[in-house]
Amino acid sequence: MLPLMLLISILLGLIPLAGIAWIIVSGTITTVDGLFESLIMLSISGIFFLNVFWELRDHGFLGKPKAAPATAKPAPPSEDS
């Protein structure tokens, strides 16, 4: 399930980036509509790529490996008289 979800998230993150490339190629990046479309598409891509990052981090592919849960050590007996 994880590889399929990652592939879908990566694909859905790349589609808006292709839209931004199209806006740049067509020359409408300098219009107000082009700028706002680009910002919206960057936000959409960022959300999907953030999902990919979180999934990879949660499964130990990025950053530190998951640490084993710490076991509580019993407290030494107190010497209260």
C-alpha atoms as a PDB file:
ATOM      1  CA  MET A   1       0.000   0.000   0.000  1.00  0.00           C
ATOM      2  CA  LEU A   2       2.854   2.390   0.833  1.00  0.00           C
ATOM      3  CA  PRO A   3       4.555   2.300  -2.611  1.00  0.00           C
ATOM      4  CA  LEU A   4       1.278   2.925  -4.420  1.00  0.00           C
ATOM      5  CA  MET A   5       0.374   5.840  -2.146  1.00  0.00           C
ATOM      6  CA  LEU A   6       3.829   7.341  -2.602  1.00  0.00           C
ATOM      7  CA  LEU A   7       3.611   7.023  -6.388  1.00  0.00           C
ATOM      8  CA  ILE A   8       0.190   8.666  -6.447  1.00  0.00           C
ATOM      9  CA  SER A   9       1.374  11.497  -4.214  1.00  0.00           C
ATOM     10  CA  ILE A  10       4.487  12.053  -6.342  1.00  0.00           C
ATOM     11  CA  LEU A  11       2.424  12.052  -9.530  1.00  0.00           C
ATOM     12  CA  LEU A  12      -0.109  14.490  -8.078  1.00  0.00           C
ATOM     13  CA  GLY A  13       2.775  16.676  -6.906  1.00  0.00           C
ATOM     14  CA  LEU A  14       4.410  16.746 -10.342  1.00  0.00           C
ATOM     15  CA  ILE A  15       1.281  17.630 -12.340  1.00  0.00           C
ATOM     16  CA  PRO A  16       1.007  21.179 -10.912  1.00  0.00           C
ATOM     17  CA  LEU A  17       4.728  21.689 -11.550  1.00  0.00           C
ATOM     18  CA  ALA A  18       4.097  20.830 -15.199  1.00  0.00           C
ATOM     19  CA  GLY A  19       1.314  23.420 -15.152  1.00  0.00           C
ATOM     20  CA  ILE A  20       3.745  26.028 -13.859  1.00  0.00           C
ATOM     21  CA  ALA A  21       6.177  25.096 -16.642  1.00  0.00           C
ATOM     22  CA  TRP A  22       3.358  25.581 -19.147  1.00  0.00           C
ATOM     23  CA  ILE A  23       2.535  29.009 -17.701  1.00  0.00           C
ATOM     24  CA  ILE A  24       6.197  30.008 -18.041  1.00  0.00           C
ATOM     25  CA  VAL A  25       6.459  28.652 -21.605  1.00  0.00           C
ATOM     26  CA  SER A  26       3.257  30.354 -22.724  1.00  0.00           C
ATOM     27  CA  GLY A  27       4.500  33.669 -21.316  1.00  0.00           C
ATOM     28  CA  THR A  28       1.589  34.390 -18.977  1.00  0.00           C
ATOM     29  CA  ILE A  29       3.752  34.253 -15.841  1.00  0.00           C
ATOM     30  CA  THR A  30       3.962  38.065 -15.843  1.00  0.00           C
ATOM     31  CA  THR A  31       0.198  38.532 -15.573  1.00  0.00           C
ATOM     32  CA  VAL A  32      -1.655  38.612 -12.287  1.00  0.00           C
ATOM     33  CA  ASP A  33      -3.554  35.453 -13.257  1.00  0.00           C
ATOM     34  CA  GLY A  34      -0.319  33.655 -14.079  1.00  0.00           C
ATOM     35  CA  LEU A  35       1.263  34.637 -10.776  1.00  0.00           C
ATOM     36  CA  PHE A  36      -1.713  33.499  -8.706  1.00  0.00           C
ATOM     37  CA  GLU A  37      -2.063  30.277 -10.684  1.00  0.00           C
ATOM     38  CA  SER A  38       1.609  29.572 -10.063  1.00  0.00           C
ATOM     39  CA  LEU A  39       1.257  30.216  -6.331  1.00  0.00           C
ATOM     40  CA  ILE A  40      -1.770  27.942  -6.103  1.00  0.00           C
ATOM     41  CA  MET A  41      -0.020  25.173  -8.046  1.00  0.00           C
ATOM     42  CA  LEU A  42       3.103  25.504  -5.895  1.00  0.00           C
ATOM     43  CA  SER A  43       0.926  25.148  -2.787  1.00  0.00           C
ATOM     44  CA  ILE A  44      -0.733  22.019  -4.166  1.00  0.00           C
ATOM     45  CA  SER A  45       2.642  20.494  -5.061  1.00  0.00           C
ATOM     46  CA  GLY A  46       4.028  21.389  -1.657  1.00  0.00           C
ATOM     47  CA  ILE A  47       1.179  19.633   0.112  1.00  0.00           C
ATOM     48  CA  PHE A  48       1.631  16.429  -1.876  1.00  0.00           C
ATOM     49  CA  PHE A  49       5.414  16.438  -1.498  1.00  0.00           C
ATOM     50  CA  LEU A  50       5.049  17.112   2.228  1.00  0.00           C
ATOM     51  CA  ASN A  51       2.860  14.006   2.398  1.00  0.00           C
ATOM     52  CA  VAL A  52       5.597  12.027   0.617  1.00  0.00           C
ATOM     53  CA  PHE A  53       8.216  13.369   3.050  1.00  0.00           C
ATOM     54  CA  TRP A  54       6.122  12.483   6.098  1.00  0.00           C
ATOM     55  CA  GLU A  55       5.395   8.973   4.828  1.00  0.00           C
ATOM     56  CA  LEU A  56       9.056   8.291   4.084  1.00  0.00           C
ATOM     57  CA  ARG A  57      10.103   9.704   7.464  1.00  0.00           C
ATOM     58  CA  ASP A  58       7.498   7.652   9.343  1.00  0.00           C
ATOM     59  CA  HIS A  59       8.721   4.461   7.702  1.00  0.00           C
ATOM     60  CA  GLY A  60      12.366   5.160   8.505  1.00  0.00           C
ATOM     61  CA  PHE A  61      13.623   6.016   5.006  1.00  0.00           C
ATOM     62  CA  LEU A  62      14.620   9.584   5.930  1.00  0.00           C
ATOM     63  CA  GLY A  63      16.383  10.861   8.999  1.00  0.00           C
ATOM     64  CA  LYS A  64      17.052   8.789  12.055  1.00  0.00           C
ATOM     65  CA  PRO A  65      15.765   5.229  12.264  1.00  0.00           C
ATOM     66  CA  LYS A  66      12.929   4.612  14.645  1.00  0.00           C
ATOM     67  CA  ALA A  67      14.165   4.116  18.184  1.00  0.00           C
ATOM     68  CA  ALA A  68      12.860   1.282  20.279  1.00  0.00           C
ATOM     69  CA  PRO A  69      10.491   2.401  23.020  1.00  0.00           C
ATOM     70  CA  ALA A  70      12.343   3.157  26.208  1.00  0.00           C
ATOM     71  CA  THR A  71      11.703   0.823  29.098  1.00  0.00           C
ATOM     72  CA  ALA A  72      11.237   2.365  32.504  1.00  0.00           C
ATOM     73  CA  LYS A  73      13.875   1.327  35.017  1.00  0.00           C
ATOM     74  CA  PRO A  74      12.663   0.724  38.542  1.00  0.00           C
ATOM     75  CA  ALA A  75      13.665   3.422  40.993  1.00  0.00           C
ATOM     76  CA  PRO A  76      16.253   2.390  43.594  1.00  0.00           C
ATOM     77  CA  PRO A  77      14.811   1.860  47.060  1.00  0.00           C
ATOM     78  CA  SER A  78      14.907   5.005  49.135  1.00  0.00           C
ATOM     79  CA  GLU A  79      16.640   4.989  52.487  1.00  0.00           C
ATOM     80  CA  ASP A  80      14.072   6.950  54.483  1.00  0.00           C
ATOM     81  CA  SER A  81      13.980   5.979  58.154  1.00  0.00           C
END
